[in-house]
C-alpha atoms as a PDB file:
ATOM      1  CA  MET A   1      -0.002  -0.001  -0.002  1.00  0.00           C
ATOM      2  CA  ALA A   2       1.270   3.489  -0.858  1.00  0.00           C
ATOM      3  CA  GLU A   3       2.453   5.891   1.790  1.00  0.00           C
ATOM      4  CA  GLN A   4       0.468   9.064   2.356  1.00  0.00           C
ATOM      5  CA  LEU A   5       1.863  12.142   0.639  1.00  0.00           C
ATOM      6  CA  GLN A   6       2.099  15.285   2.728  1.00  0.00           C
ATOM      7  CA  LYS A   7       3.031  18.792   1.784  1.00  0.00           C
ATOM      8  CA  LEU A   8       5.551  20.253   4.183  1.00  0.00           C
ATOM      9  CA  ASP A   9       4.905  23.664   5.673  1.00  0.00           C
ATOM     10  CA  GLY A  10       6.679  26.357   3.706  1.00  0.00           C
ATOM     11  CA  LEU A  11       7.175  24.160   0.638  1.00  0.00           C
ATOM     12  CA  LYS A  12       6.117  26.821  -1.850  1.00  0.00           C
ATOM     13  CA  LYS A  13       8.271  29.469  -0.142  1.00  0.00           C
ATOM     14  CA  SER A  14      11.262  27.125  -0.292  1.00  0.00           C
ATOM     15  CA  PHE A  15      11.042  27.050  -4.060  1.00  0.00           C
ATOM     16  CA  THR A  16      11.295  30.853  -4.248  1.00  0.00           C
ATOM     17  CA  HIS A  17      14.956  30.417  -3.279  1.00  0.00           C
ATOM     18  CA  PHE A  18      15.524  28.834  -6.681  1.00  0.00           C
ATOM     19  CA  ASP A  19      14.450  32.131  -8.265  1.00  0.00           C
ATOM     20  CA  ASP A  20      17.054  33.896  -6.095  1.00  0.00           C
ATOM     21  CA  MET A  21      19.714  31.435  -7.243  1.00  0.00           C
ATOM     22  CA  SER A  22      18.675  31.958 -10.855  1.00  0.00           C
ATOM     23  CA  THR A  23      19.035  35.730 -10.459  1.00  0.00           C
ATOM     24  CA  LEU A  24      22.458  35.292  -8.858  1.00  0.00           C
ATOM     25  CA  LEU A  25      23.607  33.011 -11.675  1.00  0.00           C
ATOM     26  CA  ASP A  26      22.393  35.562 -14.206  1.00  0.00           C
ATOM     27  CA  ARG A  27      24.503  38.250 -12.503  1.00  0.00           C
ATOM     28  CA  ILE A  28      27.504  35.908 -12.457  1.00  0.00           C
ATOM     29  CA  ASN A  29      27.019  35.162 -16.143  1.00  0.00           C
ATOM     30  CA  THR A  30      26.947  38.883 -16.966  1.00  0.00           C
ATOM     31  CA  ARG A  31      30.233  39.349 -15.105  1.00  0.00           C
ATOM     32  CA  VAL A  32      31.848  36.350 -16.803  1.00  0.00           C
ATOM     33  CA  GLN A  33      30.834  37.673 -20.215  1.00  0.00           C
ATOM     34  CA  ASP A  34      32.303  41.079 -19.345  1.00  0.00           C
ATOM     35  CA  ILE A  35      35.570  39.458 -18.223  1.00  0.00           C
ATOM     36  CA  ASN A  36      35.657  37.382 -21.422  1.00  0.00           C
ATOM     37  CA  GLU A  37      35.175  40.497 -23.557  1.00  0.00           C
ATOM     38  CA  ARG A  38      37.942  42.342 -21.708  1.00  0.00           C
ATOM     39  CA  ASN A  39      40.254  39.361 -22.101  1.00  0.00           C
ATOM     40  CA  LYS A  40      39.611  39.293 -25.844  1.00  0.00           C
ATOM     41  CA  GLN A  41      40.417  42.995 -26.161  1.00  0.00           C
ATOM     42  CA  ALA A  42      43.513  42.772 -23.965  1.00  0.00           C
ATOM     43  CA  ALA A  43      45.044  39.715 -25.627  1.00  0.00           C
ATOM     44  CA  GLY A  44      45.298  41.298 -29.048  1.00  0.00           C
ATOM     45  CA  ASN A  45      45.818  39.577 -32.381  1.00  0.00           C
ATOM     46  CA  ASP A  46      49.579  39.026 -32.384  1.00  0.00           C
ATOM     47  CA  ASP A  47      51.073  35.540 -31.981  1.00  0.00           C
ATOM     48  CA  THR A  48      50.864  35.675 -28.185  1.00  0.00           C
ATOM     49  CA  GLY A  49      47.236  36.809 -28.360  1.00  0.00           C
ATOM     50  CA  LYS A  50      46.403  34.034 -30.800  1.00  0.00           C
ATOM     51  CA  GLN A  51      48.019  31.450 -28.513  1.00  0.00           C
ATOM     52  CA  TYR A  52      46.069  32.868 -25.600  1.00  0.00           C
ATOM     53  CA  HIS A  53      42.780  32.681 -27.512  1.00  0.00           C
ATOM     54  CA  ALA A  54      43.544  29.140 -28.658  1.00  0.00           C
ATOM     55  CA  GLN A  55      43.777  28.107 -25.004  1.00  0.00           C
ATOM     56  CA  ILE A  56      41.088  30.208 -23.343  1.00  0.00           C
ATOM     57  CA  ASP A  57      38.246  30.925 -25.785  1.00  0.00           C
ATOM     58  CA  LYS A  58      36.650  27.456 -25.718  1.00  0.00           C
ATOM     59  CA  PRO A  59      36.744  26.984 -21.921  1.00  0.00           C
ATOM     60  CA  THR A  60      35.327  30.454 -21.288  1.00  0.00           C
ATOM     61  CA  LYS A  61      32.570  29.847 -23.831  1.00  0.00           C
ATOM     62  CA  ASP A  62      31.824  26.528 -22.089  1.00  0.00           C
ATOM     63  CA  LEU A  63      31.759  28.253 -18.687  1.00  0.00           C
ATOM     64  CA  THR A  64      29.321  30.875 -19.953  1.00  0.00           C
ATOM     65  CA  GLN A  65      27.095  28.136 -21.392  1.00  0.00           C
ATOM     66  CA  LEU A  66      27.241  26.107 -18.153  1.00  0.00           C
ATOM     67  CA  ILE A  67      26.247  29.092 -16.015  1.00  0.00           C
ATOM     68  CA  GLY A  68      23.391  29.894 -18.400  1.00  0.00           C
ATOM     69  CA  ASP A  69      22.184  26.291 -18.315  1.00  0.00           C
ATOM     70  CA  LEU A  70      22.307  26.252 -14.506  1.00  0.00           C
ATOM     71  CA  ARG A  71      20.344  29.503 -14.406  1.00  0.00           C
ATOM     72  CA  ASP A  72      17.688  28.024 -16.684  1.00  0.00           C
ATOM     73  CA  LYS A  73      17.448  24.868 -14.524  1.00  0.00           C
ATOM     74  CA  MET A  74      17.108  26.890 -11.309  1.00  0.00           C
ATOM     75  CA  THR A  75      14.331  28.939 -12.899  1.00  0.00           C
ATOM     76  CA  ALA A  76      12.519  25.785 -14.037  1.00  0.00           C
ATOM     77  CA  VAL A  77      12.864  24.034 -10.661  1.00  0.00           C
ATOM     78  CA  GLY A  78      11.524  27.097  -8.863  1.00  0.00           C
ATOM     79  CA  TYR A  79       8.591  27.449 -11.225  1.00  0.00           C
ATOM     80  CA  HIS A  80       7.635  23.773 -11.253  1.00  0.00           C
ATOM     81  CA  GLY A  81       8.226  23.362  -7.518  1.00  0.00           C
ATOM     82  CA  GLN A  82       5.840  26.199  -6.742  1.00  0.00           C
ATOM     83  CA  GLY A  83       3.322  24.666  -9.131  1.00  0.00           C
ATOM     84  CA  THR A  84       3.637  21.319  -7.361  1.00  0.00           C
ATOM     85  CA  ALA A  85       3.042  23.013  -4.006  1.00  0.00           C
ATOM     86  CA  ASP A  86      -0.088  24.602  -5.496  1.00  0.00           C
ATOM     87  CA  LEU A  87      -1.275  21.163  -6.640  1.00  0.00           C
ATOM     88  CA  PHE A  88      -0.863  19.817  -3.100  1.00  0.00           C
ATOM     89  CA  ASP A  89      -2.900  22.742  -1.774  1.00  0.00           C
ATOM     90  CA  SER A  90      -5.591  22.148  -4.392  1.00  0.00           C
ATOM     91  CA  ALA A  91      -5.711  18.426  -3.632  1.00  0.00           C
ATOM     92  CA  ASP A  92      -6.034  19.148   0.096  1.00  0.00           C
ATOM     93  CA  GLN A  93      -8.881  21.572  -0.608  1.00  0.00           C
ATOM     94  CA  ASP A  94     -10.611  19.077  -2.914  1.00  0.00           C
ATOM     95  CA  ALA A  95     -10.305  16.337  -0.284  1.00  0.00           C
ATOM     96  CA  SER A  96     -11.649  18.655   2.393  1.00  0.00           C
ATOM     97  CA  ASP A  97     -14.579  19.689   0.190  1.00  0.00           C
ATOM     98  CA  ALA A  98     -15.347  16.065  -0.659  1.00  0.00           C
ATOM     99  CA  ALA A  99     -15.201  15.011   2.987  1.00  0.00           C
ATOM    100  CA  GLY A 100     -17.450  17.926   3.956  1.00  0.00           C
ATOM    101  CA  SER A 101     -20.091  16.998   1.408  1.00  0.00           C
ATOM    102  CA  MET A 102     -20.459  13.432   2.681  1.00  0.00           C
END
């Protein structure tokens, strides 16, 4: 037999922290992109600059992509987690209404 599901107090509020993390990751990503742009300008196009870009461009692009992906996941978890909490509330209300009408 299945265990009873219960919604913990403050569940919906807990998922708002994912929105905060998403915002923080967005700010980090903006800073990383600024640093990347400054690095590109500072390195130049001479042989040393080309060697630098050969080593650093791909990893910094990957880092920017990773941070963006994490931001998107945090946003999705926050959104869907709050929706799940709403479903629990709705199910509780439906159960209460059904029990009251018996």
